[in-house]
Amino acid sequence: MLAGILLLNLEPWQTVLVMALCRFGAEVFIARQYLLAQVFVTPLALISTLLVAPASPTSLLRDRIIETVIGAAVGIGVVLAPVLWRRVRRM
């Protein structure tokens, strides 16, 4: 969703409109469907940064993918660390 929005090269007023729609979607779904709300919150946050510090969509998407991979690796490490620690202590 974010890639599609960024690749449209919207005018500032269109960007604000997309942000308003994302905010609305986040508010509608936040209480009952947190996962669906995140679909709206993530583009809202990233598009907001483009208004403050313009960057190319490809670099923003590349950075987002890298950050997601790092976050996933850290999350997996945190989940696996106690299991590995118990195995090491048993030896």
PDB file of N, CA and C in Angstrom:
ATOM      1  N   MET A   1       0.820  -1.186   0.000  1.00  0.00           N
ATOM      2  CA  MET A   1       0.000   0.000   0.000  1.00  0.00           C
ATOM      3  C   MET A   1       0.867   1.253   0.000  1.00  0.00           C
ATOM      4  N   LEU A   2       1.869   1.249   0.861  1.00  0.00           N
ATOM      5  CA  LEU A   2       2.757   2.407   0.956  1.00  0.00           C
ATOM      6  C   LEU A   2       3.499   2.646  -0.349  1.00  0.00           C
ATOM      7  N   ALA A   3       4.000   1.583  -0.951  1.00  0.00           N
ATOM      8  CA  ALA A   3       4.735   1.726  -2.218  1.00  0.00           C
ATOM      9  C   ALA A   3       3.848   2.341  -3.281  1.00  0.00           C
ATOM     10  N   GLY A   4       2.619   1.899  -3.355  1.00  0.00           N
ATOM     11  CA  GLY A   4       1.692   2.446  -4.335  1.00  0.00           C
ATOM     12  C   GLY A   4       1.436   3.925  -4.120  1.00  0.00           C
ATOM     13  N   ILE A   5       1.278   4.311  -2.873  1.00  0.00           N
ATOM     14  CA  ILE A   5       1.043   5.724  -2.555  1.00  0.00           C
ATOM     15  C   ILE A   5       2.263   6.561  -2.909  1.00  0.00           C
ATOM     16  N   LEU A   6       3.441   6.069  -2.548  1.00  0.00           N
ATOM     17  CA  LEU A   6       4.663   6.846  -2.802  1.00  0.00           C
ATOM     18  C   LEU A   6       4.966   6.978  -4.287  1.00  0.00           C
ATOM     19  N   LEU A   7       4.680   5.952  -5.043  1.00  0.00           N
ATOM     20  CA  LEU A   7       5.003   5.979  -6.467  1.00  0.00           C
ATOM     21  C   LEU A   7       4.033   6.831  -7.287  1.00  0.00           C
ATOM     22  N   LEU A   8       2.960   7.307  -6.665  1.00  0.00           N
ATOM     23  CA  LEU A   8       2.017   8.184  -7.360  1.00  0.00           C
ATOM     24  C   LEU A   8       2.547   9.609  -7.519  1.00  0.00           C
ATOM     25  N   ASN A   9       3.583   9.961  -6.749  1.00  0.00           N
ATOM     26  CA  ASN A   9       4.137  11.323  -6.770  1.00  0.00           C
ATOM     27  C   ASN A   9       3.038  12.371  -6.603  1.00  0.00           C
ATOM     28  N   LEU A  10       2.368  12.302  -5.474  1.00  0.00           N
ATOM     29  CA  LEU A  10       1.243  13.176  -5.196  1.00  0.00           C
ATOM     30  C   LEU A  10       1.670  14.610  -4.913  1.00  0.00           C
ATOM     31  N   GLU A  11       0.774  15.530  -5.208  1.00  0.00           N
ATOM     32  CA  GLU A  11       0.953  16.925  -4.824  1.00  0.00           C
ATOM     33  C   GLU A  11       0.769  17.030  -3.311  1.00  0.00           C
ATOM     34  N   PRO A  12       1.283  18.089  -2.689  1.00  0.00           N
ATOM     35  CA  PRO A  12       1.147  18.208  -1.224  1.00  0.00           C
ATOM     36  C   PRO A  12      -0.306  18.123  -0.733  1.00  0.00           C
ATOM     37  N   TRP A  13      -1.252  18.759  -1.431  1.00  0.00           N
ATOM     38  CA  TRP A  13      -2.639  18.710  -0.969  1.00  0.00           C
ATOM     39  C   TRP A  13      -3.195  17.294  -1.091  1.00  0.00           C
ATOM     40  N   GLN A  14      -2.754  16.551  -2.093  1.00  0.00           N
ATOM     41  CA  GLN A  14      -3.188  15.164  -2.248  1.00  0.00           C
ATOM     42  C   GLN A  14      -2.577  14.296  -1.151  1.00  0.00           C
ATOM     43  N   THR A  15      -1.345  14.602  -0.804  1.00  0.00           N
ATOM     44  CA  THR A  15      -0.678  13.871   0.275  1.00  0.00           C
ATOM     45  C   THR A  15      -1.423  14.075   1.591  1.00  0.00           C
ATOM     46  N   VAL A  16      -1.837  15.294   1.850  1.00  0.00           N
ATOM     47  CA  VAL A  16      -2.600  15.581   3.074  1.00  0.00           C
ATOM     48  C   VAL A  16      -3.930  14.837   3.059  1.00  0.00           C
ATOM     49  N   LEU A  17      -4.564  14.757   1.915  1.00  0.00           N
ATOM     50  CA  LEU A  17      -5.820  14.019   1.793  1.00  0.00           C
ATOM     51  C   LEU A  17      -5.605  12.528   2.072  1.00  0.00           C
ATOM     52  N   VAL A  18      -4.542  11.957   1.522  1.00  0.00           N
ATOM     53  CA  VAL A  18      -4.224  10.546   1.789  1.00  0.00           C
ATOM     54  C   VAL A  18      -3.936  10.346   3.277  1.00  0.00           C
ATOM     55  N   MET A  19      -3.228  11.293   3.889  1.00  0.00           N
ATOM     56  CA  MET A  19      -2.952  11.201   5.324  1.00  0.00           C
ATOM     57  C   MET A  19      -4.248  11.224   6.129  1.00  0.00           C
ATOM     58  N   ALA A  20      -5.191  12.089   5.730  1.00  0.00           N
ATOM     59  CA  ALA A  20      -6.475  12.153   6.432  1.00  0.00           C
ATOM     60  C   ALA A  20      -7.232  10.837   6.300  1.00  0.00           C
ATOM     61  N   LEU A  21      -7.198  10.243   5.119  1.00  0.00           N
ATOM     62  CA  LEU A  21      -7.871   8.958   4.913  1.00  0.00           C
ATOM     63  C   LEU A  21      -7.213   7.850   5.729  1.00  0.00           C
ATOM     64  N   CYS A  22      -5.900   7.872   5.797  1.00  0.00           N
ATOM     65  CA  CYS A  22      -5.183   6.881   6.609  1.00  0.00           C
ATOM     66  C   CYS A  22      -5.512   7.062   8.086  1.00  0.00           C
ATOM     67  N   ARG A  23      -5.578   8.298   8.530  1.00  0.00           N
ATOM     68  CA  ARG A  23      -5.918   8.571   9.928  1.00  0.00           C
ATOM     69  C   ARG A  23      -7.322   8.070  10.241  1.00  0.00           C
ATOM     70  N   PHE A  24      -8.252   8.334   9.327  1.00  0.00           N
ATOM     71  CA  PHE A  24      -9.623   7.860   9.505  1.00  0.00           C
ATOM     72  C   PHE A  24      -9.651   6.336   9.596  1.00  0.00           C
ATOM     73  N   GLY A  25      -8.954   5.671   8.670  1.00  0.00           N
ATOM     74  CA  GLY A  25      -8.912   4.213   8.697  1.00  0.00           C
ATOM     75  C   GLY A  25      -8.314   3.675   9.988  1.00  0.00           C
ATOM     76  N   ALA A  26      -7.277   4.321  10.464  1.00  0.00           N
ATOM     77  CA  ALA A  26      -6.652   3.888  11.716  1.00  0.00           C
ATOM     78  C   ALA A  26      -7.618   4.036  12.888  1.00  0.00           C
ATOM     79  N   GLU A  27      -8.325   5.158  12.944  1.00  0.00           N
ATOM     80  CA  GLU A  27      -9.269   5.389  14.042  1.00  0.00           C
ATOM     81  C   GLU A  27     -10.443   4.416  13.999  1.00  0.00           C
ATOM     82  N   VAL A  28     -10.895   4.076  12.811  1.00  0.00           N
ATOM     83  CA  VAL A  28     -12.033   3.176  12.681  1.00  0.00           C
ATOM     84  C   VAL A  28     -11.675   1.767  13.163  1.00  0.00           C
ATOM     85  N   PHE A  29     -10.462   1.320  12.857  1.00  0.00           N
ATOM     86  CA  PHE A  29     -10.101  -0.076  13.132  1.00  0.00           C
ATOM     87  C   PHE A  29      -9.284  -0.289  14.404  1.00  0.00           C
ATOM     88  N   ILE A  30      -8.809   0.747  15.049  1.00  0.00           N
ATOM     89  CA  ILE A  30      -7.855   0.570  16.154  1.00  0.00           C
ATOM     90  C   ILE A  30      -8.441  -0.221  17.328  1.00  0.00           C
ATOM     91  N   ALA A  31      -9.713  -0.069  17.624  1.00  0.00           N
ATOM     92  CA  ALA A  31     -10.285  -0.733  18.796  1.00  0.00           C
ATOM     93  C   ALA A  31     -10.512  -2.228  18.583  1.00  0.00           C
ATOM     94  N   ARG A  32     -10.891  -2.626  17.384  1.00  0.00           N
ATOM     95  CA  ARG A  32     -11.256  -4.023  17.175  1.00  0.00           C
ATOM     96  C   ARG A  32     -10.297  -4.805  16.302  1.00  0.00           C
ATOM     97  N   GLN A  33      -9.659  -4.158  15.356  1.00  0.00           N
ATOM     98  CA  GLN A  33      -8.763  -4.836  14.423  1.00  0.00           C
ATOM     99  C   GLN A  33      -7.421  -4.123  14.379  1.00  0.00           C
ATOM    100  N   TYR A  34      -6.586  -4.368  15.373  1.00  0.00           N
ATOM    101  CA  TYR A  34      -5.311  -3.659  15.473  1.00  0.00           C
ATOM    102  C   TYR A  34      -4.434  -3.894  14.244  1.00  0.00           C
ATOM    103  N   LEU A  35      -4.420  -5.103  13.741  1.00  0.00           N
ATOM    104  CA  LEU A  35      -3.614  -5.414  12.558  1.00  0.00           C
ATOM    105  C   LEU A  35      -4.052  -4.574  11.364  1.00  0.00           C
ATOM    106  N   LEU A  36      -5.334  -4.490  11.144  1.00  0.00           N
ATOM    107  CA  LEU A  36      -5.850  -3.686  10.044  1.00  0.00           C
ATOM    108  C   LEU A  36      -5.565  -2.201  10.275  1.00  0.00           C
ATOM    109  N   ALA A  37      -5.630  -1.760  11.509  1.00  0.00           N
ATOM    110  CA  ALA A  37      -5.314  -0.369  11.818  1.00  0.00           C
ATOM    111  C   ALA A  37      -3.856  -0.059  11.466  1.00  0.00           C
ATOM    112  N   GLN A  38      -2.969  -1.006  11.681  1.00  0.00           N
ATOM    113  CA  GLN A  38      -1.560  -0.797  11.353  1.00  0.00           C
ATOM    114  C   GLN A  38      -1.343  -0.611   9.857  1.00  0.00           C
ATOM    115  N   VAL A  39      -2.223  -1.187   9.043  1.00  0.00           N
ATOM    116  CA  VAL A  39      -2.140  -0.996   7.597  1.00  0.00           C
ATOM    117  C   VAL A  39      -2.321   0.484   7.256  1.00  0.00           C
ATOM    118  N   PHE A  40      -3.070   1.196   8.071  1.00  0.00           N
ATOM    119  CA  PHE A  40      -3.284   2.625   7.863  1.00  0.00           C
ATOM    120  C   PHE A  40      -2.262   3.477   8.605  1.00  0.00           C
ATOM    121  N   VAL A  41      -1.837   3.023   9.772  1.00  0.00           N
ATOM    122  CA  VAL A  41      -0.909   3.810  10.594  1.00  0.00           C
ATOM    123  C   VAL A  41       0.475   3.892   9.956  1.00  0.00           C
ATOM    124  N   THR A  42       0.961   2.792   9.409  1.00  0.00           N
ATOM    125  CA  THR A  42       2.302   2.781   8.830  1.00  0.00           C
ATOM    126  C   THR A  42       2.451   3.764   7.674  1.00  0.00           C
ATOM    127  N   PRO A  43       1.556   3.754   6.682  1.00  0.00           N
ATOM    128  CA  PRO A  43       1.697   4.763   5.625  1.00  0.00           C
ATOM    129  C   PRO A  43       1.530   6.184   6.158  1.00  0.00           C
ATOM    130  N   LEU A  44       0.652   6.344   7.133  1.00  0.00           N
ATOM    131  CA  LEU A  44       0.449   7.672   7.709  1.00  0.00           C
ATOM    132  C   LEU A  44       1.743   8.211   8.299  1.00  0.00           C
ATOM    133  N   ALA A  45       2.428   7.392   9.059  1.00  0.00           N
ATOM    134  CA  ALA A  45       3.678   7.829   9.677  1.00  0.00           C
ATOM    135  C   ALA A  45       4.760   8.108   8.643  1.00  0.00           C
ATOM    136  N   LEU A  46       4.894   7.231   7.688  1.00  0.00           N
ATOM    137  CA  LEU A  46       5.955   7.404   6.701  1.00  0.00           C
ATOM    138  C   LEU A  46       5.672   8.549   5.736  1.00  0.00           C
ATOM    139  N   ILE A  47       4.422   8.718   5.345  1.00  0.00           N
ATOM    140  CA  ILE A  47       4.077   9.832   4.461  1.00  0.00           C
ATOM    141  C   ILE A  47       4.237  11.157   5.191  1.00  0.00           C
ATOM    142  N   SER A  48       3.943  11.174   6.485  1.00  0.00           N
ATOM    143  CA  SER A  48       4.125  12.397   7.280  1.00  0.00           C
ATOM    144  C   SER A  48       5.581  12.840   7.261  1.00  0.00           C
ATOM    145  N   THR A  49       6.488  11.900   7.313  1.00  0.00           N
ATOM    146  CA  THR A  49       7.906  12.268   7.301  1.00  0.00           C
ATOM    147  C   THR A  49       8.311  12.875   5.963  1.00  0.00           C
ATOM    148  N   LEU A  50       7.637  12.463   4.896  1.00  0.00           N
ATOM    149  CA  LEU A  50       7.959  13.030   3.581  1.00  0.00           C
ATOM    150  C   LEU A  50       7.608  14.506   3.490  1.00  0.00           C
ATOM    151  N   LEU A  51       6.599  14.930   4.223  1.00  0.00           N
ATOM    152  CA  LEU A  51       6.247  16.350   4.211  1.00  0.00           C
ATOM    153  C   LEU A  51       7.290  17.186   4.939  1.00  0.00           C
ATOM    154  N   VAL A  52       7.908  16.604   5.947  1.00  0.00           N
ATOM    155  CA  VAL A  52       8.915  17.320   6.737  1.00  0.00           C
ATOM    156  C   VAL A  52      10.289  17.239   6.084  1.00  0.00           C
ATOM    157  N   ALA A  53      10.653  16.042   5.659  1.00  0.00           N
ATOM    158  CA  ALA A  53      11.969  15.822   5.060  1.00  0.00           C
ATOM    159  C   ALA A  53      11.794  15.052   3.759  1.00  0.00           C
ATOM    160  N   PRO A  54      11.578  15.748   2.656  1.00  0.00           N
ATOM    161  CA  PRO A  54      11.351  15.050   1.384  1.00  0.00           C
ATOM    162  C   PRO A  54      12.513  14.121   1.012  1.00  0.00           C
ATOM    163  N   ALA A  55      12.143  12.961   0.519  1.00  0.00           N
ATOM    164  CA  ALA A  55      13.129  11.970   0.081  1.00  0.00           C
ATOM    165  C   ALA A  55      12.540  11.221  -1.106  1.00  0.00           C
ATOM    166  N   SER A  56      13.389  10.529  -1.815  1.00  0.00           N
ATOM    167  CA  SER A  56      12.875   9.765  -2.949  1.00  0.00           C
ATOM    168  C   SER A  56      12.111   8.546  -2.429  1.00  0.00           C
ATOM    169  N   PRO A  57      11.017   8.198  -3.088  1.00  0.00           N
ATOM    170  CA  PRO A  57      10.238   7.038  -2.652  1.00  0.00           C
ATOM    171  C   PRO A  57      11.051   5.744  -2.614  1.00  0.00           C
ATOM    172  N   THR A  58      11.966   5.579  -3.566  1.00  0.00           N
ATOM    173  CA  THR A  58      12.741   4.334  -3.574  1.00  0.00           C
ATOM    174  C   THR A  58      13.651   4.233  -2.357  1.00  0.00           C
ATOM    175  N   SER A  59      14.267   5.338  -1.960  1.00  0.00           N
ATOM    176  CA  SER A  59      15.134   5.274  -0.776  1.00  0.00           C
ATOM    177  C   SER A  59      14.315   5.059   0.485  1.00  0.00           C
ATOM    178  N   LEU A  60      13.127   5.667   0.550  1.00  0.00           N
ATOM    179  CA  LEU A  60      12.272   5.472   1.717  1.00  0.00           C
ATOM    180  C   LEU A  60      11.809   4.018   1.805  1.00  0.00           C
ATOM    181  N   LEU A  61      11.417   3.442   0.691  1.00  0.00           N
ATOM    182  CA  LEU A  61      10.987   2.048   0.689  1.00  0.00           C
ATOM    183  C   LEU A  61      12.142   1.102   1.009  1.00  0.00           C
ATOM    184  N   ARG A  62      13.332   1.397   0.449  1.00  0.00           N
ATOM    185  CA  ARG A  62      14.505   0.573   0.738  1.00  0.00           C
ATOM    186  C   ARG A  62      14.807   0.594   2.232  1.00  0.00           C
ATOM    187  N   ASP A  63      14.789   1.788   2.817  1.00  0.00           N
ATOM    188  CA  ASP A  63      15.057   1.910   4.250  1.00  0.00           C
ATOM    189  C   ASP A  63      14.009   1.173   5.071  1.00  0.00           C
ATOM    190  N   ARG A  64      12.755   1.264   4.647  1.00  0.00           N
ATOM    191  CA  ARG A  64      11.672   0.582   5.366  1.00  0.00           C
ATOM    192  C   ARG A  64      11.860  -0.932   5.323  1.00  0.00           C
ATOM    193  N   ILE A  65      12.250  -1.458   4.183  1.00  0.00           N
ATOM    194  CA  ILE A  65      12.479  -2.898   4.062  1.00  0.00           C
ATOM    195  C   ILE A  65      13.650  -3.327   4.940  1.00  0.00           C
ATOM    196  N   ILE A  66      14.722  -2.562   4.922  1.00  0.00           N
ATOM    197  CA  ILE A  66      15.889  -2.885   5.753  1.00  0.00           C
ATOM    198  C   ILE A  66      15.517  -2.852   7.228  1.00  0.00           C
ATOM    199  N   GLU A  67      14.776  -1.828   7.646  1.00  0.00           N
ATOM    200  CA  GLU A  67      14.366  -1.722   9.053  1.00  0.00           C
ATOM    201  C   GLU A  67      13.450  -2.873   9.456  1.00  0.00           C
ATOM    202  N   THR A  68      12.585  -3.306   8.540  1.00  0.00           N
ATOM    203  CA  THR A  68      11.691  -4.418   8.832  1.00  0.00           C
ATOM    204  C   THR A  68      12.478  -5.712   9.002  1.00  0.00           C
ATOM    205  N   VAL A  69      13.466  -5.938   8.144  1.00  0.00           N
ATOM    206  CA  VAL A  69      14.293  -7.139   8.251  1.00  0.00           C
ATOM    207  C   VAL A  69      15.083  -7.133   9.561  1.00  0.00           C
ATOM    208  N   ILE A  70      15.641  -5.986   9.917  1.00  0.00           N
ATOM    209  CA  ILE A  70      16.381  -5.885  11.183  1.00  0.00           C
ATOM    210  C   ILE A  70      15.448  -6.147  12.360  1.00  0.00           C
ATOM    211  N   GLY A  71      14.260  -5.536  12.338  1.00  0.00           N
ATOM    212  CA  GLY A  71      13.293  -5.744  13.417  1.00  0.00           C
ATOM    213  C   GLY A  71      12.864  -7.195  13.540  1.00  0.00           C
ATOM    214  N   ALA A  72      12.641  -7.845  12.402  1.00  0.00           N
ATOM    215  CA  ALA A  72      12.259  -9.252  12.422  1.00  0.00           C
ATOM    216  C   ALA A  72      13.384 -10.117  12.983  1.00  0.00           C
ATOM    217  N   ALA A  73      14.619  -9.816  12.594  1.00  0.00           N
ATOM    218  CA  ALA A  73      15.765 -10.585  13.093  1.00  0.00           C
ATOM    219  C   ALA A  73      15.911 -10.417  14.607  1.00  0.00           C
ATOM    220  N   VAL A  74      15.755  -9.216  15.085  1.00  0.00           N
ATOM    221  CA  VAL A  74      15.839  -8.976  16.536  1.00  0.00           C
ATOM    222  C   VAL A  74      14.703  -9.698  17.252  1.00  0.00           C
ATOM    223  N   GLY A  75      13.492  -9.641  16.695  1.00  0.00           N
ATOM    224  CA  GLY A  75      12.360 -10.338  17.308  1.00  0.00           C
ATOM    225  C   GLY A  75      12.576 -11.837  17.374  1.00  0.00           C
ATOM    226  N   ILE A  76      13.076 -12.409  16.300  1.00  0.00           N
ATOM    227  CA  ILE A  76      13.365 -13.845  16.286  1.00  0.00           C
ATOM    228  C   ILE A  76      14.449 -14.172  17.298  1.00  0.00           C
ATOM    229  N   GLY A  77      15.466 -13.319  17.368  1.00  0.00           N
ATOM    230  CA  GLY A  77      16.543 -13.532  18.344  1.00  0.00           C
ATOM    231  C   GLY A  77      16.041 -13.497  19.778  1.00  0.00           C
ATOM    232  N   VAL A  78      15.134 -12.571  20.075  1.00  0.00           N
ATOM    233  CA  VAL A  78      14.583 -12.470  21.430  1.00  0.00           C
ATOM    234  C   VAL A  78      13.747 -13.695  21.773  1.00  0.00           C
ATOM    235  N   VAL A  79      13.017 -14.213  20.801  1.00  0.00           N
ATOM    236  CA  VAL A  79      12.200 -15.400  21.040  1.00  0.00           C
ATOM    237  C   VAL A  79      13.083 -16.636  21.221  1.00  0.00           C
ATOM    238  N   LEU A  80      14.139 -16.753  20.430  1.00  0.00           N
ATOM    239  CA  LEU A  80      14.991 -17.940  20.491  1.00  0.00           C
ATOM    240  C   LEU A  80      16.036 -17.899  21.601  1.00  0.00           C
ATOM    241  N   ALA A  81      16.392 -16.730  22.089  1.00  0.00           N
ATOM    242  CA  ALA A  81      17.458 -16.607  23.086  1.00  0.00           C
ATOM    243  C   ALA A  81      17.209 -17.437  24.342  1.00  0.00           C
ATOM    244  N   PRO A  82      16.025 -17.395  24.961  1.00  0.00           N
ATOM    245  CA  PRO A  82      15.826 -18.220  26.168  1.00  0.00           C
ATOM    246  C   PRO A  82      15.967 -19.713  25.908  1.00  0.00           C
ATOM    247  N   VAL A  83      15.485 -20.171  24.761  1.00  0.00           N
ATOM    248  CA  VAL A  83      15.596 -21.596  24.429  1.00  0.00           C
ATOM    249  C   VAL A  83      17.062 -21.983  24.277  1.00  0.00           C
ATOM    250  N   LEU A  84      17.804 -21.182  23.549  1.00  0.00           N
ATOM    251  CA  LEU A  84      19.234 -21.474  23.367  1.00  0.00           C
ATOM    252  C   LEU A  84      19.990 -21.373  24.685  1.00  0.00           C
ATOM    253  N   TRP A  85      19.619 -20.415  25.515  1.00  0.00           N
ATOM    254  CA  TRP A  85      20.282 -20.255  26.817  1.00  0.00           C
ATOM    255  C   TRP A  85      20.056 -21.490  27.687  1.00  0.00           C
ATOM    256  N   ARG A  86      18.829 -22.012  27.688  1.00  0.00           N
ATOM    257  CA  ARG A  86      18.550 -23.225  28.474  1.00  0.00           C
ATOM    258  C   ARG A  86      19.345 -24.411  27.966  1.00  0.00           C
ATOM    259  N   ARG A  87      19.480 -24.544  26.651  1.00  0.00           N
ATOM    260  CA  ARG A  87      20.264 -25.647  26.080  1.00  0.00           C
ATOM    261  C   ARG A  87      21.724 -25.544  26.444  1.00  0.00           C
ATOM    262  N   VAL A  88      22.264 -24.333  26.434  1.00  0.00           N
ATOM    263  CA  VAL A  88      23.679 -24.133  26.780  1.00  0.00           C
ATOM    264  C   VAL A  88      23.898 -24.443  28.258  1.00  0.00           C
ATOM    265  N   ARG A  89      22.984 -24.072  29.107  1.00  0.00           N
ATOM    266  CA  ARG A  89      23.135 -24.311  30.555  1.00  0.00           C
ATOM    267  C   ARG A  89      23.047 -25.797  30.895  1.00  0.00           C
ATOM    268  N   ARG A  90      22.316 -26.574  30.097  1.00  0.00           N
ATOM    269  CA  ARG A  90      22.191 -28.015  30.358  1.00  0.00           C
ATOM    270  C   ARG A  90      23.472 -28.764  30.024  1.00  0.00           C
ATOM    271  N   MET A  91      24.302 -28.214  29.156  1.00  0.00           N
ATOM    272  CA  MET A  91      25.522 -28.917  28.740  1.00  0.00           C
ATOM    273  C   MET A  91      26.564 -28.902  29.785  1.00  0.00           C
TER     274      MET A  91
END
